[in-house]
Amino acid sequence: MKDMIITNLETIPGKGIVTHIGLVQGNTVRAKHVGRDIMAGLKNIVGGELRGYTELLTDSRDESMQRMMEQADRLGANAILNVRFATSSISAGASELFVYGTAVVVA
């Protein structure tokens, strides 16, 4: 995959949009881990960061972004503008992380 410019801006300073390709997206659905739930329950008592969940969300964002970038690359884009993230609960203990943006060619 070539270098892909990813931004939450609607434009890229110093570059012009040559071709508008359209919406691209990536997602992943992840379930909670029983061991992480036990540790999270203990952390709720004493306070502090829930590192297991932080890692789970970081991995989910990375995987969703990668899938979005691969779709944009297949369509011939070299940039994705106006990138946004969304989450939703799929079932008890499982959530979806969804990322989307506008694929374009810039020069």
C-alpha atoms as a PDB file:
ATOM      1  CA  MET A   1       0.000   0.000   0.000  1.00  0.00           C
ATOM      2  CA  LYS A   2       1.315   3.424  -0.932  1.00  0.00           C
ATOM      3  CA  ASP A   3       1.493   6.253   1.611  1.00  0.00           C
ATOM      4  CA  MET A   4      -2.028   7.303   2.519  1.00  0.00           C
ATOM      5  CA  ILE A   5      -2.815  10.720   4.003  1.00  0.00           C
ATOM      6  CA  ILE A   6      -5.413  10.383   6.759  1.00  0.00           C
ATOM      7  CA  THR A   7      -7.012  13.456   8.338  1.00  0.00           C
ATOM      8  CA  ASN A   8     -10.144  14.564  10.136  1.00  0.00           C
ATOM      9  CA  LEU A   9     -10.010  17.859   8.177  1.00  0.00           C
ATOM     10  CA  GLU A  10     -12.165  18.468   5.109  1.00  0.00           C
ATOM     11  CA  THR A  11      -9.132  19.568   3.075  1.00  0.00           C
ATOM     12  CA  ILE A  12      -5.369  19.136   3.204  1.00  0.00           C
ATOM     13  CA  PRO A  13      -3.478  22.440   3.405  1.00  0.00           C
ATOM     14  CA  GLY A  14      -1.292  22.905   0.343  1.00  0.00           C
ATOM     15  CA  LYS A  15      -2.998  20.137  -1.648  1.00  0.00           C
ATOM     16  CA  GLY A  16      -5.962  20.144  -3.984  1.00  0.00           C
ATOM     17  CA  ILE A  17      -8.553  17.432  -4.483  1.00  0.00           C
ATOM     18  CA  VAL A  18      -8.116  16.008  -7.979  1.00  0.00           C
ATOM     19  CA  THR A  19     -10.696  13.209  -7.756  1.00  0.00           C
ATOM     20  CA  HIS A  20     -13.506  12.544  -5.295  1.00  0.00           C
ATOM     21  CA  ILE A  21     -13.909   8.766  -4.899  1.00  0.00           C
ATOM     22  CA  GLY A  22     -16.448   8.536  -2.088  1.00  0.00           C
ATOM     23  CA  LEU A  23     -17.125   6.963   1.262  1.00  0.00           C
ATOM     24  CA  VAL A  24     -14.746   4.315   2.603  1.00  0.00           C
ATOM     25  CA  GLN A  25     -15.057   2.466   5.871  1.00  0.00           C
ATOM     26  CA  GLY A  26     -13.598  -0.147   8.122  1.00  0.00           C
ATOM     27  CA  ASN A  27     -14.925  -1.915  11.172  1.00  0.00           C
ATOM     28  CA  THR A  28     -14.313  -4.656  13.685  1.00  0.00           C
ATOM     29  CA  VAL A  29     -16.482  -6.318  16.303  1.00  0.00           C
ATOM     30  CA  ARG A  30     -14.740  -7.348  19.500  1.00  0.00           C
ATOM     31  CA  ALA A  31     -15.907  -9.239  22.556  1.00  0.00           C
ATOM     32  CA  LYS A  32     -14.761  -8.673  26.097  1.00  0.00           C
ATOM     33  CA  HIS A  33     -12.343 -11.159  27.643  1.00  0.00           C
ATOM     34  CA  VAL A  34     -13.419 -12.835  30.901  1.00  0.00           C
ATOM     35  CA  GLY A  35      -9.996 -12.260  32.473  1.00  0.00           C
ATOM     36  CA  ARG A  36     -10.129  -8.586  31.557  1.00  0.00           C
ATOM     37  CA  ASP A  37     -13.613  -8.333  33.082  1.00  0.00           C
ATOM     38  CA  ILE A  38     -12.358  -9.727  36.385  1.00  0.00           C
ATOM     39  CA  MET A  39      -9.459  -7.270  36.458  1.00  0.00           C
ATOM     40  CA  ALA A  40     -11.770  -4.405  35.444  1.00  0.00           C
ATOM     41  CA  GLY A  41     -14.065  -5.282  38.339  1.00  0.00           C
ATOM     42  CA  LEU A  42     -11.132  -5.078  40.738  1.00  0.00           C
ATOM     43  CA  LYS A  43     -10.005  -1.753  39.250  1.00  0.00           C
ATOM     44  CA  ASN A  44     -13.505  -0.364  39.801  1.00  0.00           C
ATOM     45  CA  ILE A  45     -12.955  -0.883  43.528  1.00  0.00           C
ATOM     46  CA  VAL A  46      -9.547   0.824  43.763  1.00  0.00           C
ATOM     47  CA  GLY A  47      -9.676   3.067  40.677  1.00  0.00           C
ATOM     48  CA  GLY A  48      -7.198   3.482  37.853  1.00  0.00           C
ATOM     49  CA  GLU A  49      -6.872   2.809  34.147  1.00  0.00           C
ATOM     50  CA  LEU A  50      -8.425  -0.342  32.735  1.00  0.00           C
ATOM     51  CA  ARG A  51      -5.365  -1.251  30.641  1.00  0.00           C
ATOM     52  CA  GLY A  52      -6.892  -4.421  29.205  1.00  0.00           C
ATOM     53  CA  TYR A  53      -9.758  -2.414  27.731  1.00  0.00           C
ATOM     54  CA  THR A  54      -7.423   0.339  26.578  1.00  0.00           C
ATOM     55  CA  GLU A  55      -5.401  -2.253  24.635  1.00  0.00           C
ATOM     56  CA  LEU A  56      -8.595  -3.799  23.218  1.00  0.00           C
ATOM     57  CA  LEU A  57      -9.818  -0.412  21.955  1.00  0.00           C
ATOM     58  CA  THR A  58      -6.412   0.522  20.543  1.00  0.00           C
ATOM     59  CA  ASP A  59      -6.233  -2.774  18.639  1.00  0.00           C
ATOM     60  CA  SER A  60      -9.799  -2.260  17.386  1.00  0.00           C
ATOM     61  CA  ARG A  61      -9.043   1.267  16.138  1.00  0.00           C
ATOM     62  CA  ASP A  62      -5.875   0.093  14.400  1.00  0.00           C
ATOM     63  CA  GLU A  63      -7.641  -2.814  12.686  1.00  0.00           C
ATOM     64  CA  SER A  64     -10.595  -0.672  11.575  1.00  0.00           C
ATOM     65  CA  MET A  65      -8.266   2.038  10.222  1.00  0.00           C
ATOM     66  CA  GLN A  66      -6.238  -0.556   8.323  1.00  0.00           C
ATOM     67  CA  ARG A  67      -9.373  -1.958   6.692  1.00  0.00           C
ATOM     68  CA  MET A  68     -10.547   1.531   5.694  1.00  0.00           C
ATOM     69  CA  MET A  69      -7.131   2.361   4.227  1.00  0.00           C
ATOM     70  CA  GLU A  70      -7.055  -0.909   2.263  1.00  0.00           C
ATOM     71  CA  GLN A  71     -10.464  -0.139   0.756  1.00  0.00           C
ATOM     72  CA  ALA A  72      -9.338   3.373  -0.223  1.00  0.00           C
ATOM     73  CA  ASP A  73      -6.148   1.977  -1.741  1.00  0.00           C
ATOM     74  CA  ARG A  74      -8.110  -0.551  -3.830  1.00  0.00           C
ATOM     75  CA  LEU A  75     -10.226   2.332  -5.150  1.00  0.00           C
ATOM     76  CA  GLY A  76      -7.118   4.335  -6.146  1.00  0.00           C
ATOM     77  CA  ALA A  77      -7.204   7.002  -3.424  1.00  0.00           C
ATOM     78  CA  ASN A  78      -4.104   8.525  -1.869  1.00  0.00           C
ATOM     79  CA  ALA A  79      -5.934  10.336   0.957  1.00  0.00           C
ATOM     80  CA  ILE A  80      -8.931   9.961   3.247  1.00  0.00           C
ATOM     81  CA  LEU A  81     -10.547  13.153   4.507  1.00  0.00           C
ATOM     82  CA  ASN A  82     -13.013  13.945   7.294  1.00  0.00           C
ATOM     83  CA  VAL A  83     -12.295  10.686   9.165  1.00  0.00           C
ATOM     84  CA  ARG A  84     -14.681   9.840  12.007  1.00  0.00           C
ATOM     85  CA  PHE A  85     -15.036   6.998  14.519  1.00  0.00           C
ATOM     86  CA  ALA A  86     -18.237   5.501  15.915  1.00  0.00           C
ATOM     87  CA  THR A  87     -18.974   2.682  18.335  1.00  0.00           C
ATOM     88  CA  SER A  88     -22.034   0.588  19.000  1.00  0.00           C
ATOM     89  CA  SER A  89     -23.021  -2.273  21.238  1.00  0.00           C
ATOM     90  CA  ILE A  90     -23.739  -5.445  19.265  1.00  0.00           C
ATOM     91  CA  SER A  91     -24.659  -7.695  22.190  1.00  0.00           C
ATOM     92  CA  ALA A  92     -23.842  -8.064  25.870  1.00  0.00           C
ATOM     93  CA  GLY A  93     -20.069  -8.034  25.966  1.00  0.00           C
ATOM     94  CA  ALA A  94     -19.469  -7.272  22.257  1.00  0.00           C
ATOM     95  CA  SER A  95     -19.005  -3.900  20.563  1.00  0.00           C
ATOM     96  CA  GLU A  96     -18.335  -2.631  17.072  1.00  0.00           C
ATOM     97  CA  LEU A  97     -15.785   0.051  16.273  1.00  0.00           C
ATOM     98  CA  PHE A  98     -16.526   1.727  12.934  1.00  0.00           C
ATOM     99  CA  VAL A  99     -14.358   4.270  11.107  1.00  0.00           C
ATOM    100  CA  TYR A 100     -15.297   6.129   7.937  1.00  0.00           C
ATOM    101  CA  GLY A 101     -14.133   8.945   5.741  1.00  0.00           C
ATOM    102  CA  THR A 102     -14.058  10.342   2.208  1.00  0.00           C
ATOM    103  CA  ALA A 103     -11.549   8.802  -0.183  1.00  0.00           C
ATOM    104  CA  VAL A 104      -9.948  11.247  -2.606  1.00  0.00           C
ATOM    105  CA  VAL A 105      -6.945  11.726  -4.845  1.00  0.00           C
ATOM    106  CA  VAL A 106      -4.942  14.815  -3.941  1.00  0.00           C
ATOM    107  CA  ALA A 107      -2.007  16.488  -5.642  1.00  0.00           C
END
